[in-house]
Amino acid sequence: MELCPGEPLEDWLRRGEVRTCLEALVQVCGVVRRLHARGITHGDIHERNVLVDVSKAGQVRAFLLDFGAASRGAALCQQECDVMDVVATALEVIRDLDHLFALRWKLNMTSNLNKVTALLQEALQDAVNKMLEVGEDSDNHPTTTITTTTTTTVNQGTKIVGLGYDGRKDKTRAMVPDSYGKLHPRLIREEHVSVTEEPSGRYLWHFVPEDPVPPEKPAFKVAQALYDLLVTYDSTDSLIVLQGDSTRANTGWKGGTHAHLEKMLGRKLFWSICLLHTNELPLRHLITSIDGPTSSDTGFTGPVCSLLSSVNEMQYNAEFRGVPGGEDLTEIPEYILVNMSTDQQVSYQLVQAVKRGVLPSELQEIKCGKVSHSRWLTTAQSLMYMWTRKHGLTGKELNTLEILVKYCLQVYFKLYYDIKVHHRLEDGPKHILTQLRVMRSQPKKVQTAVTFYVRTECVLLSLMASQSEDDRRFAVTQILKLRAGEEYEDTSIQEILVKPYEVPEFSIHTQSTERVVKQVAEAAAAVVGQQARDGFIRTRAHHRETMPCFRSKKDMMDTF
């Protein structure tokens, strides 16, 4: 049964008997398999979602894996259905493929259909022949089954105990109608909120926040979408920890997303606020206070930081003065080092070199990334790099640069790597104490310009996990005071006096969520529609789990 160019795919799939429909289904699965190899398949729909049975009597049965559950990240479930039901689902696959091909080759719908036709006929002839052979061999075998499995983000029945979320506006592919209603592919800017399941950091979902209706605020709509997601996963009672950046929209005591979600759930949550983001805010305030405010998304108006955009063009100054002082950087374990970005590793070496006043040759030729108000690690790195260059600053401007460099060396990077290494919930208040300690060495104007983990529950949690019995006793005493007059059957609080409390492995930074934000941005630039973006992200995640990354020949040989 040939697919004629120009013939509607729906009509083609609906023609023929059961065996013909089965062949059509196999062809559709083959197209998806080829697309999967090219990295542009529609997420959870591929040949491994279909289980086909050919009985001895020649009866064909199909088991369709639940696509809807897959798109929500739940475990796939099998359900028996008629072959025509499978074909009906295949039609939905074709519609998604239609959009993907149109974007891939930038063709109109007519030529796109011809391309799909050619790919169907070319790619799946062998698969059809194999399927027919299965039917012939069924005389000798009671049942022949084609089965495979797939992986998902969250297993069926698993409750969510932690959520992380972050959002940004991305350049997004969309089909925009003109005045005649005809759709055209366009690039638009659209806000996407990415959600991860914690503490694993796995991608869970992303959504476009609804427009608020006054007097509603955008934070309320984000909280509403997070609540709906928890309802979908039946996790409204199991959620414990909520992660996010320390922005007013997230952490506002009355109108923030965290506060709104707590009201919807009717109970308190543990706020795990990203300390890496919190660590950036004092640096930003310091620059604004002593040099000048920011401008646009990337610029600075001050005489010092306005030079950051041209720091890569400055000549190296072999006679730059070292800036000793402050506490040493924490040692970074190997398991953390291998997961750090190049910028993070280079900055670690750069801090030590600037303190000594000797810059190794391999660091003299480094190029700093583009300065952005969303990447303050790059800003701090550029400030240190400028200190080793012939910048031409004198007088007050030179003094301002020195103050900023000292702050980056002794406060910002000290806390940054402390947080990277000690990133569990119980470590949060300790970093606040470290910040207060290292700030004492800064000038008065710096202390005035620039201080979340001082909330009561955070401090108590840190004390409960302390190795010091005095710390634990103090925490237990305070908790019992708060519970005065109320009865609790839980006696485990007393056990903390004997053994430190084992805190769940939640992180105090949201870098896993930030990685997902980047994945959503890549998907938004590649495919059209939320479901297609979700599938794009899940497919790539599944591919990375099944296909190892070879950094050396040794890694490749270890797979055999």
Protein backbone atom coordinates (compact mmCIF):
# COMPACT_ATOMS: atom_id res chain seq x y z
CA MET A 1 0.00 0.00 0.00
CA GLU A 2 1.82 3.11 -1.23
CA LEU A 3 1.49 6.60 0.13
CA CYS A 4 0.88 8.85 -2.84
CA PRO A 5 2.42 12.33 -2.74
CA GLY A 6 -0.24 14.81 -1.72
CA GLU A 7 -2.51 12.19 -0.19
CA PRO A 8 -3.63 13.04 3.37
CA LEU A 9 -1.77 10.84 5.81
CA GLU A 10 -4.98 10.19 7.77
CA ASP A 11 -6.65 8.65 4.70
CA TRP A 12 -3.58 6.56 3.94
CA LEU A 13 -3.41 5.14 7.45
CA ARG A 14 -7.12 4.36 7.56
CA ARG A 15 -7.09 2.35 4.33
CA GLY A 16 -6.61 -1.41 4.34
CA GLU A 17 -7.12 -4.38 6.63
CA VAL A 18 -5.62 -5.03 10.06
CA ARG A 19 -2.33 -6.31 8.63
CA THR A 20 -2.06 -3.26 6.41
CA CYS A 21 -2.75 -0.99 9.35
CA LEU A 22 -0.07 -2.83 11.28
CA GLU A 23 2.40 -2.20 8.47
CA ALA A 24 1.46 1.46 8.56
CA LEU A 25 2.07 1.54 12.29
CA VAL A 26 5.48 -0.07 11.87
CA GLN A 27 6.35 2.52 9.23
CA VAL A 28 5.39 5.33 11.56
CA CYS A 29 7.52 3.83 14.32
CA GLY A 30 10.43 3.59 11.90
CA VAL A 31 10.19 7.25 11.00
CA VAL A 32 10.25 8.13 14.66
CA ARG A 33 13.28 5.88 15.12
CA ARG A 34 15.14 7.69 12.33
CA LEU A 35 14.20 11.03 13.80
CA HIS A 36 15.40 9.84 17.20
CA ALA A 37 18.79 9.07 15.67
CA ARG A 38 18.91 12.65 14.35
CA GLY A 39 17.95 14.06 17.74
CA ILE A 40 14.69 15.69 16.58
CA THR A 41 12.11 13.12 17.62
CA HIS A 42 8.97 14.01 19.54
CA GLY A 43 9.90 13.12 23.11
CA ASP A 44 8.25 10.05 24.54
CA ILE A 45 6.81 8.67 21.29
CA HIS A 46 9.08 6.16 19.55
CA GLU A 47 9.07 2.54 18.47
CA ARG A 48 9.73 1.37 22.03
CA ASN A 49 6.33 2.61 23.14
CA VAL A 50 4.55 -0.10 21.11
CA LEU A 51 4.26 -3.81 21.92
CA VAL A 52 2.85 -5.99 19.10
CA ASP A 53 1.56 -9.58 19.45
CA VAL A 54 0.93 -11.95 16.51
CA SER A 55 -0.87 -15.10 17.69
CA LYS A 56 -0.76 -18.57 16.09
CA ALA A 57 -4.15 -17.96 14.50
CA GLY A 58 -2.84 -14.81 12.85
CA GLN A 59 -4.73 -12.49 15.20
CA VAL A 60 -2.90 -9.20 15.67
CA ARG A 61 -2.99 -7.41 19.01
CA ALA A 62 -1.26 -4.18 19.93
CA PHE A 63 -0.37 -2.90 23.36
CA LEU A 64 -0.02 0.86 23.44
CA LEU A 65 2.09 2.47 26.12
CA ASP A 66 0.31 5.45 27.64
CA PHE A 67 1.77 8.51 25.87
CA GLY A 68 -0.08 10.95 28.13
CA ALA A 69 1.55 9.61 31.27
CA ALA A 70 4.94 9.71 29.57
CA SER A 71 4.62 13.40 28.74
CA ARG A 72 3.96 14.10 32.42
CA GLY A 73 7.04 12.13 33.47
CA ALA A 74 5.12 9.29 35.11
CA ALA A 75 5.90 5.63 34.51
CA LEU A 76 4.48 4.22 31.26
CA CYS A 77 1.61 1.77 31.65
CA GLN A 78 0.47 -0.90 29.18
CA GLN A 79 -3.10 -1.23 28.02
CA GLU A 80 -4.56 -3.53 25.41
CA CYS A 81 -6.29 -1.85 22.49
CA ASP A 82 -7.43 -2.41 18.93
CA VAL A 83 -4.94 -1.88 16.11
CA MET A 84 -7.05 0.99 14.78
CA ASP A 85 -6.68 2.71 18.14
CA VAL A 86 -2.93 2.43 17.71
CA VAL A 87 -3.21 3.90 14.23
CA ALA A 88 -5.30 6.75 15.62
CA THR A 89 -2.46 7.49 18.01
CA ALA A 90 -0.03 7.23 15.11
CA LEU A 91 -1.93 10.08 13.45
CA GLU A 92 -1.03 12.30 16.37
CA VAL A 93 2.59 11.25 15.92
CA ILE A 94 2.44 12.24 12.26
CA ARG A 95 1.04 15.66 13.10
CA ASP A 96 3.94 16.27 15.46
CA LEU A 97 6.41 14.99 12.85
CA ASP A 98 4.83 17.34 10.33
CA HIS A 99 5.81 20.35 12.45
CA LEU A 100 9.27 18.92 13.11
CA PHE A 101 10.00 18.36 9.43
CA ALA A 102 8.71 21.82 8.55
CA LEU A 103 11.15 23.34 11.03
CA ARG A 104 14.01 21.02 10.11
CA TRP A 105 13.97 21.71 6.37
CA LYS A 106 12.07 25.03 6.41
CA LEU A 107 9.61 23.66 3.85
CA ASN A 108 5.95 24.40 3.30
CA MET A 109 3.32 21.82 4.17
CA THR A 110 3.02 20.35 0.63
CA SER A 111 6.71 19.71 0.04
CA ASN A 112 6.96 18.63 3.66
CA LEU A 113 4.44 15.85 3.02
CA ASN A 114 6.50 14.68 0.05
CA LYS A 115 9.57 14.52 2.26
CA VAL A 116 7.67 12.48 4.86
CA THR A 117 6.43 10.18 2.08
CA ALA A 118 9.92 9.53 0.77
CA LEU A 119 11.32 8.93 4.23
CA LEU A 120 8.51 6.52 5.09
CA GLN A 121 9.03 4.43 1.96
CA GLU A 122 12.82 4.43 2.20
CA ALA A 123 13.34 3.85 5.90
CA LEU A 124 10.80 1.17 6.82
CA GLN A 125 10.72 -1.36 3.97
CA ASP A 126 12.98 -3.72 5.93
CA ALA A 127 10.89 -3.26 9.06
CA VAL A 128 7.71 -4.19 7.17
CA ASN A 129 9.34 -7.33 5.77
CA LYS A 130 10.48 -8.35 9.23
CA MET A 131 6.99 -7.80 10.55
CA LEU A 132 5.55 -10.06 7.84
CA GLU A 133 8.16 -12.71 8.69
CA VAL A 134 6.98 -12.59 12.29
CA GLY A 135 3.48 -13.41 11.08
CA GLU A 136 4.73 -16.38 9.03
CA ASP A 137 6.83 -17.74 11.89
CA SER A 138 3.83 -17.57 14.21
CA ASP A 139 2.68 -20.99 12.89
CA ASN A 140 5.57 -22.55 14.78
CA HIS A 141 5.43 -20.29 17.82
CA PRO A 142 2.32 -19.69 19.93
CA THR A 143 3.13 -16.02 20.38
CA THR A 144 5.81 -13.70 19.05
CA THR A 145 6.26 -10.48 20.96
CA ILE A 146 8.24 -7.35 20.24
CA THR A 147 9.02 -5.55 23.49
CA THR A 148 11.35 -2.93 24.83
CA THR A 149 11.34 -0.62 27.78
CA THR A 150 11.77 3.07 28.33
CA THR A 151 12.90 5.24 31.19
CA THR A 152 11.07 8.12 32.79
CA THR A 153 11.81 10.93 35.16
CA VAL A 154 9.62 9.95 38.08
CA ASN A 155 8.39 6.42 38.69
CA GLN A 156 4.70 5.75 39.00
CA GLY A 157 3.60 6.00 42.61
CA THR A 158 6.68 8.02 43.63
CA LYS A 159 5.79 11.10 45.64
CA ILE A 160 7.65 14.36 45.13
CA VAL A 161 9.38 15.63 48.27
CA GLY A 162 11.29 18.54 46.75
CA LEU A 163 10.73 21.03 43.92
CA GLY A 164 13.11 23.51 42.34
CA TYR A 165 11.98 26.17 39.89
CA ASP A 166 13.44 29.06 37.94
CA GLY A 167 12.32 31.06 34.92
CA ARG A 168 13.59 33.28 32.16
CA LYS A 169 12.49 34.71 28.82
CA ASP A 170 13.76 32.71 25.84
CA LYS A 171 13.79 33.14 22.10
CA THR A 172 11.04 30.69 21.20
CA ARG A 173 9.91 29.15 17.92
CA ALA A 174 6.19 29.59 17.40
CA MET A 175 3.59 29.36 14.64
CA VAL A 176 2.10 32.86 14.46
CA PRO A 177 -1.08 33.48 12.40
CA ASP A 178 -1.25 36.39 9.98
CA SER A 179 -4.33 38.51 9.26
CA TYR A 180 -5.73 35.70 7.07
CA GLY A 181 -5.25 33.03 9.73
CA LYS A 182 -2.32 31.38 7.95
CA LEU A 183 0.41 30.17 10.31
CA HIS A 184 4.01 31.24 9.86
CA PRO A 185 7.09 30.13 11.84
CA ARG A 186 8.44 33.01 13.91
CA LEU A 187 10.88 33.62 16.75
CA ILE A 188 9.23 35.28 19.73
CA ARG A 189 10.30 36.02 23.30
CA GLU A 190 8.36 33.91 25.78
CA GLU A 191 8.78 33.29 29.50
CA HIS A 192 9.34 29.68 30.56
CA VAL A 193 9.43 28.42 34.14
CA SER A 194 11.49 25.24 34.49
CA VAL A 195 10.76 22.75 37.29
CA THR A 196 13.07 20.06 38.67
CA GLU A 197 12.46 17.18 41.06
CA GLU A 198 14.74 17.46 44.07
CA PRO A 199 17.10 16.29 45.42
CA SER A 200 17.86 14.36 42.18
CA GLY A 201 17.81 17.55 40.07
CA ARG A 202 16.01 15.77 37.22
CA TYR A 203 13.86 17.66 34.74
CA LEU A 204 10.22 17.44 35.74
CA TRP A 205 8.23 19.93 33.65
CA HIS A 206 8.22 23.45 32.27
CA PHE A 207 5.36 25.83 31.62
CA VAL A 208 4.46 29.26 30.31
CA PRO A 209 2.93 31.26 33.19
CA GLU A 210 -0.58 32.53 32.60
CA ASP A 211 -1.13 36.27 32.45
CA PRO A 212 -2.31 37.57 35.84
CA VAL A 213 -5.72 39.20 36.12
CA PRO A 214 -5.58 42.25 38.43
CA PRO A 215 -5.21 42.29 41.38
CA GLU A 216 -3.29 39.02 40.85
CA LYS A 217 0.49 39.11 40.52
CA PRO A 218 2.75 36.97 38.30
CA ALA A 219 4.10 35.17 41.40
CA PHE A 220 0.57 33.91 42.15
CA LYS A 221 0.24 32.38 38.67
CA VAL A 222 3.58 30.60 39.05
CA ALA A 223 2.50 29.21 42.44
CA GLN A 224 -0.81 28.10 40.92
CA ALA A 225 1.00 26.21 38.14
CA LEU A 226 3.32 24.54 40.67
CA TYR A 227 0.30 23.52 42.76
CA ASP A 228 -1.41 22.01 39.68
CA LEU A 229 1.79 20.05 38.98
CA LEU A 230 1.78 18.68 42.53
CA VAL A 231 -1.86 17.66 42.10
CA THR A 232 -0.92 15.82 38.89
CA TYR A 233 1.72 13.84 40.77
CA ASP A 234 -0.51 13.38 43.85
CA SER A 235 2.20 15.07 45.91
CA THR A 236 0.40 17.91 47.66
CA ASP A 237 0.92 16.16 51.01
CA SER A 238 4.46 14.90 50.42
CA LEU A 239 6.25 18.09 49.36
CA ILE A 240 8.74 19.24 52.01
CA VAL A 241 11.33 21.46 50.34
CA LEU A 242 10.86 24.28 47.82
CA GLN A 243 13.95 25.65 46.08
CA GLY A 244 14.32 28.95 44.26
CA ASP A 245 16.38 32.09 43.86
CA SER A 246 16.26 34.87 46.43
CA THR A 247 14.22 37.29 44.33
CA ARG A 248 11.31 39.33 45.62
CA ALA A 249 8.92 37.46 43.29
CA ASN A 250 9.97 34.16 44.89
CA THR A 251 10.59 34.95 48.54
CA GLY A 252 8.29 37.89 49.28
CA TRP A 253 6.73 37.21 52.69
CA LYS A 254 3.25 38.13 51.48
CA GLY A 255 3.16 38.03 47.67
CA GLY A 256 6.02 35.71 46.74
CA THR A 257 5.60 32.37 44.97
CA HIS A 258 6.81 30.46 48.05
CA ALA A 259 4.25 32.18 50.29
CA HIS A 260 1.39 31.67 47.80
CA LEU A 261 2.17 27.95 47.42
CA GLU A 262 2.23 27.53 51.20
CA LYS A 263 -1.24 29.11 51.41
CA MET A 264 -2.54 26.78 48.69
CA LEU A 265 -1.11 23.73 50.48
CA GLY A 266 -2.29 24.96 53.87
CA ARG A 267 1.07 24.32 55.56
CA LYS A 268 4.65 25.51 55.80
CA LEU A 269 7.45 24.35 53.52
CA PHE A 270 11.20 24.40 54.02
CA TRP A 271 12.57 27.23 51.90
CA SER A 272 15.84 26.21 50.26
CA ILE A 273 16.98 29.52 48.79
CA CYS A 274 19.93 29.44 46.39
CA LEU A 275 22.95 30.71 48.30
CA LEU A 276 24.97 31.15 45.12
CA HIS A 277 22.38 33.67 43.98
CA THR A 278 22.30 35.28 47.42
CA ASN A 279 26.10 35.56 47.28
CA GLU A 280 25.83 37.56 44.04
CA LEU A 281 23.58 40.27 45.44
CA PRO A 282 26.15 41.96 47.74
CA LEU A 283 28.64 42.15 44.84
CA ARG A 284 26.02 43.82 42.68
CA HIS A 285 25.14 46.30 45.44
CA LEU A 286 28.82 47.04 46.06
CA ILE A 287 29.45 47.83 42.38
CA THR A 288 26.38 50.07 42.31
CA SER A 289 27.45 51.85 45.50
CA ILE A 290 31.10 52.67 44.77
CA ASP A 291 31.31 52.60 40.95
CA GLY A 292 27.89 53.23 39.44
CA PRO A 293 24.59 51.57 38.53
CA THR A 294 24.05 48.95 35.86
CA SER A 295 22.58 49.72 32.45
CA SER A 296 20.48 47.44 30.19
CA ASP A 297 21.03 43.68 30.59
CA THR A 298 24.80 43.66 30.24
CA GLY A 299 26.24 47.13 30.75
CA PHE A 300 27.66 49.26 33.55
CA THR A 301 27.80 53.04 33.81
CA GLY A 302 30.72 53.38 36.25
CA PRO A 303 34.25 54.26 35.08
CA VAL A 304 35.66 50.90 36.25
CA CYS A 305 33.06 48.28 35.36
CA SER A 306 32.28 49.92 32.02
CA LEU A 307 35.72 48.60 30.95
CA LEU A 308 34.78 44.97 31.62
CA SER A 309 33.41 44.47 28.11
CA SER A 310 36.87 45.23 26.64
CA VAL A 311 39.02 43.41 29.20
CA ASN A 312 39.99 40.69 26.70
CA GLU A 313 41.65 43.31 24.49
CA MET A 314 43.86 44.68 27.31
CA GLN A 315 47.56 43.80 27.37
CA TYR A 316 48.98 41.64 30.13
CA ASN A 317 50.81 43.52 32.89
CA ALA A 318 53.74 41.40 34.08
CA GLU A 319 54.28 43.80 37.00
CA PHE A 320 50.78 43.67 38.49
CA ARG A 321 50.69 43.81 42.27
CA GLY A 322 49.52 40.78 44.24
CA VAL A 323 46.56 41.16 46.62
CA PRO A 324 47.26 38.87 49.59
CA GLY A 325 45.02 38.49 52.61
CA GLY A 326 41.78 36.83 53.53
CA GLU A 327 41.09 33.18 54.23
CA ASP A 328 42.31 30.40 51.94
CA LEU A 329 39.88 28.84 49.48
CA THR A 330 38.42 25.51 50.53
CA GLU A 331 39.87 22.36 48.97
CA ILE A 332 37.63 21.02 46.19
CA PRO A 333 37.08 17.22 46.15
CA GLU A 334 37.55 15.43 42.85
CA TYR A 335 33.88 14.40 42.54
CA ILE A 336 32.87 18.08 42.64
CA LEU A 337 35.75 19.29 40.48
CA VAL A 338 34.79 17.05 37.53
CA ASN A 339 31.29 18.56 37.50
CA MET A 340 32.47 22.18 37.60
CA SER A 341 32.43 24.34 34.49
CA THR A 342 35.61 25.64 32.88
CA ASP A 343 34.91 29.15 34.20
CA GLN A 344 34.57 27.84 37.75
CA GLN A 345 37.84 25.90 37.54
CA VAL A 346 39.72 28.80 35.94
CA SER A 347 38.43 31.27 38.54
CA TYR A 348 39.68 29.01 41.33
CA GLN A 349 43.20 29.09 39.86
CA LEU A 350 42.96 32.81 39.10
CA VAL A 351 42.12 33.70 42.71
CA GLN A 352 45.21 31.93 44.01
CA ALA A 353 47.42 33.48 41.31
CA VAL A 354 46.24 37.06 41.95
CA LYS A 355 46.82 36.63 45.69
CA ARG A 356 50.40 35.50 45.03
CA GLY A 357 51.05 38.15 42.39
CA VAL A 358 52.25 35.56 39.87
CA LEU A 359 50.05 34.59 36.95
CA PRO A 360 50.98 31.28 35.24
CA SER A 361 51.44 31.45 31.47
CA GLU A 362 48.39 29.26 30.83
CA LEU A 363 46.21 31.83 32.61
CA GLN A 364 47.66 34.86 30.83
CA GLU A 365 45.86 34.08 27.58
CA ILE A 366 42.44 33.19 28.94
CA LYS A 367 39.38 34.96 27.53
CA CYS A 368 36.59 35.97 29.86
CA GLY A 369 33.01 35.30 28.83
CA LYS A 370 30.48 37.97 27.92
CA VAL A 371 29.49 40.03 30.94
CA SER A 372 25.82 39.69 31.87
CA HIS A 373 23.78 40.66 34.92
CA SER A 374 22.63 37.03 35.14
CA ARG A 375 26.21 35.67 35.31
CA TRP A 376 28.06 37.40 38.14
CA LEU A 377 30.76 34.73 38.23
CA THR A 378 31.90 36.12 34.87
CA THR A 379 31.80 39.68 36.25
CA ALA A 380 33.95 38.75 39.26
CA GLN A 381 36.36 36.82 37.03
CA SER A 382 36.65 39.80 34.68
CA LEU A 383 37.43 42.16 37.57
CA MET A 384 40.33 39.96 38.69
CA TYR A 385 41.51 39.58 35.10
CA MET A 386 41.45 43.38 34.68
CA TRP A 387 43.70 43.70 37.73
CA THR A 388 46.40 41.76 35.83
CA ARG A 389 46.01 43.91 32.67
CA LYS A 390 47.20 47.35 31.62
CA HIS A 391 43.87 49.03 32.34
CA GLY A 392 45.06 52.64 32.57
CA LEU A 393 43.10 53.45 35.74
CA THR A 394 44.58 55.86 38.27
CA GLY A 395 43.59 57.70 41.43
CA LYS A 396 40.04 57.14 42.66
CA GLU A 397 39.18 54.71 39.86
CA LEU A 398 42.22 52.55 40.67
CA ASN A 399 41.22 52.53 44.34
CA THR A 400 37.68 51.46 43.36
CA LEU A 401 39.06 48.58 41.27
CA GLU A 402 41.25 47.45 44.17
CA ILE A 403 38.28 47.45 46.57
CA LEU A 404 36.23 45.37 44.13
CA VAL A 405 39.09 42.92 43.51
CA LYS A 406 39.69 42.48 47.25
CA TYR A 407 35.99 41.82 47.81
CA CYS A 408 35.95 39.20 45.04
CA LEU A 409 39.08 37.49 46.37
CA GLN A 410 38.29 37.55 50.07
CA VAL A 411 34.47 37.35 50.16
CA TYR A 412 32.72 36.44 46.90
CA PHE A 413 34.93 33.57 45.74
CA LYS A 414 35.59 32.36 49.29
CA LEU A 415 31.84 31.90 49.81
CA TYR A 416 31.26 30.66 46.25
CA TYR A 417 33.54 27.63 46.60
CA ASP A 418 32.46 27.01 50.20
CA ILE A 419 28.88 26.73 48.94
CA LYS A 420 29.91 24.48 46.03
CA VAL A 421 31.65 22.04 48.38
CA HIS A 422 29.36 22.26 51.44
CA HIS A 423 25.95 22.43 49.79
CA ARG A 424 23.62 20.49 52.09
CA LEU A 425 20.71 22.09 53.90
CA GLU A 426 22.41 22.03 57.28
CA ASP A 427 25.36 23.99 55.84
CA GLY A 428 23.31 27.08 54.97
CA PRO A 429 23.54 28.96 58.30
CA LYS A 430 27.26 28.16 58.51
CA HIS A 431 27.84 30.10 55.31
CA ILE A 432 26.06 33.10 56.80
CA LEU A 433 28.47 32.96 59.75
CA THR A 434 31.38 32.69 57.31
CA GLN A 435 30.09 35.72 55.43
CA LEU A 436 29.88 37.75 58.63
CA ARG A 437 33.39 36.64 59.59
CA VAL A 438 35.09 37.52 56.31
CA MET A 439 33.19 40.80 56.03
CA ARG A 440 35.01 42.07 59.11
CA SER A 441 38.18 42.43 57.04
CA GLN A 442 36.47 44.68 54.49
CA PRO A 443 36.47 48.50 54.63
CA LYS A 444 33.58 50.24 56.37
CA LYS A 445 32.12 51.48 53.07
CA VAL A 446 31.98 47.88 51.82
CA GLN A 447 30.28 46.65 54.99
CA THR A 448 27.73 49.45 54.67
CA ALA A 449 26.96 48.62 51.05
CA VAL A 450 26.47 44.88 51.49
CA THR A 451 23.28 39.96 54.30
CA PHE A 452 18.59 34.09 54.04
CA TYR A 453 19.66 31.33 55.95
CA VAL A 454 19.10 33.09 59.26
CA ARG A 455 15.48 31.91 59.41
CA THR A 456 14.71 30.08 62.66
CA GLU A 457 14.02 26.69 61.08
CA CYS A 458 17.27 26.83 59.07
CA VAL A 459 19.40 27.59 62.13
CA LEU A 460 17.69 24.87 64.18
CA LEU A 461 18.21 22.34 61.38
CA SER A 462 21.91 23.17 61.24
CA LEU A 463 22.24 22.82 65.03
CA MET A 464 20.36 19.49 65.01
CA ALA A 465 22.88 18.10 62.51
CA SER A 466 25.90 19.42 64.41
CA GLN A 467 28.54 17.05 65.77
CA SER A 468 28.54 19.10 68.98
CA GLU A 469 26.21 17.75 71.68
CA ASP A 470 25.81 21.26 73.09
CA ASP A 471 24.53 22.54 69.74
CA ARG A 472 22.05 19.67 69.47
CA ARG A 473 20.87 20.12 73.05
CA PHE A 474 20.23 23.82 72.43
CA ALA A 475 18.19 23.00 69.30
CA VAL A 476 16.11 20.34 71.09
CA THR A 477 15.44 22.71 73.99
CA GLN A 478 14.19 25.44 71.65
CA ILE A 479 11.96 23.01 69.74
CA LEU A 480 10.43 21.68 72.96
CA LYS A 481 9.76 25.25 74.08
CA LEU A 482 7.95 25.94 70.82
CA ARG A 483 5.88 22.77 71.36
CA ALA A 484 4.99 23.69 74.95
CA GLY A 485 1.38 22.87 75.80
CA GLU A 486 0.93 20.64 72.75
CA GLU A 487 1.19 16.87 72.56
CA TYR A 488 3.27 15.13 69.91
CA GLU A 489 3.60 11.38 69.60
CA ASP A 490 6.90 11.72 67.76
CA THR A 491 9.69 11.00 70.26
CA SER A 492 12.52 11.05 67.70
CA ILE A 493 13.38 14.63 68.71
CA GLN A 494 14.95 13.25 71.90
CA GLU A 495 17.13 10.89 69.89
CA ILE A 496 18.97 13.90 68.43
CA LEU A 497 20.63 14.38 71.82
CA VAL A 498 22.44 11.07 71.26
CA LYS A 499 22.99 11.12 67.50
CA PRO A 500 23.10 14.05 65.02
CA TYR A 501 20.03 14.41 62.82
CA GLU A 502 20.52 13.04 59.30
CA VAL A 503 19.31 15.80 57.00
CA PRO A 504 17.92 14.76 53.58
CA GLU A 505 20.40 15.48 50.78
CA PHE A 506 18.80 18.65 49.45
CA SER A 507 21.11 21.30 48.08
CA ILE A 508 21.33 24.96 49.07
CA HIS A 509 21.98 26.05 45.49
CA THR A 510 19.81 25.64 42.40
CA GLN A 511 22.40 24.85 39.73
CA SER A 512 20.52 21.70 38.69
CA THR A 513 17.48 23.88 38.02
CA GLU A 514 19.63 26.38 36.12
CA ARG A 515 20.86 23.55 33.87
CA VAL A 516 17.24 22.66 33.11
CA VAL A 517 16.53 26.33 32.35
CA LYS A 518 19.26 26.14 29.71
CA GLN A 519 17.76 22.93 28.28
CA VAL A 520 14.35 24.60 28.01
CA ALA A 521 15.94 27.55 26.20
CA GLU A 522 17.57 25.16 23.70
CA ALA A 523 14.29 23.31 23.16
CA ALA A 524 12.42 26.61 22.68
CA ALA A 525 14.78 27.52 19.85
CA ALA A 526 14.42 24.10 18.19
CA VAL A 527 10.75 23.01 18.22
CA VAL A 528 7.27 24.52 18.36
CA GLY A 529 4.83 24.05 21.24
CA GLN A 530 5.09 23.11 24.90
CA GLN A 531 4.51 19.38 24.36
CA ALA A 532 7.17 19.29 21.64
CA ARG A 533 9.62 21.15 23.88
CA ASP A 534 8.92 18.75 26.73
CA GLY A 535 9.51 15.77 24.45
CA PHE A 536 12.69 17.32 23.06
CA ILE A 537 14.12 17.70 26.58
CA ARG A 538 13.12 14.21 27.74
CA THR A 539 14.53 12.55 24.63
CA ARG A 540 17.90 14.23 25.03
CA ALA A 541 17.97 13.34 28.73
CA HIS A 542 17.18 9.69 27.91
CA HIS A 543 19.86 9.67 25.22
CA ARG A 544 22.46 11.01 27.65
CA GLU A 545 21.55 8.32 30.16
CA THR A 546 21.89 5.50 27.63
CA MET A 547 24.84 6.85 25.60
CA PRO A 548 27.99 7.48 27.67
CA CYS A 549 30.22 10.49 27.20
CA PHE A 550 33.66 9.40 26.04
CA ARG A 551 36.37 11.70 27.40
CA SER A 552 39.16 9.26 26.54
CA LYS A 553 39.79 5.87 24.90
CA LYS A 554 39.73 4.32 28.36
CA ASP A 555 36.13 5.47 28.88
CA MET A 556 35.11 3.89 25.59
CA MET A 557 36.75 0.56 26.43
CA ASP A 558 35.06 0.49 29.84
CA THR A 559 31.68 0.13 28.13
CA PHE A 560 32.55 -3.33 26.76
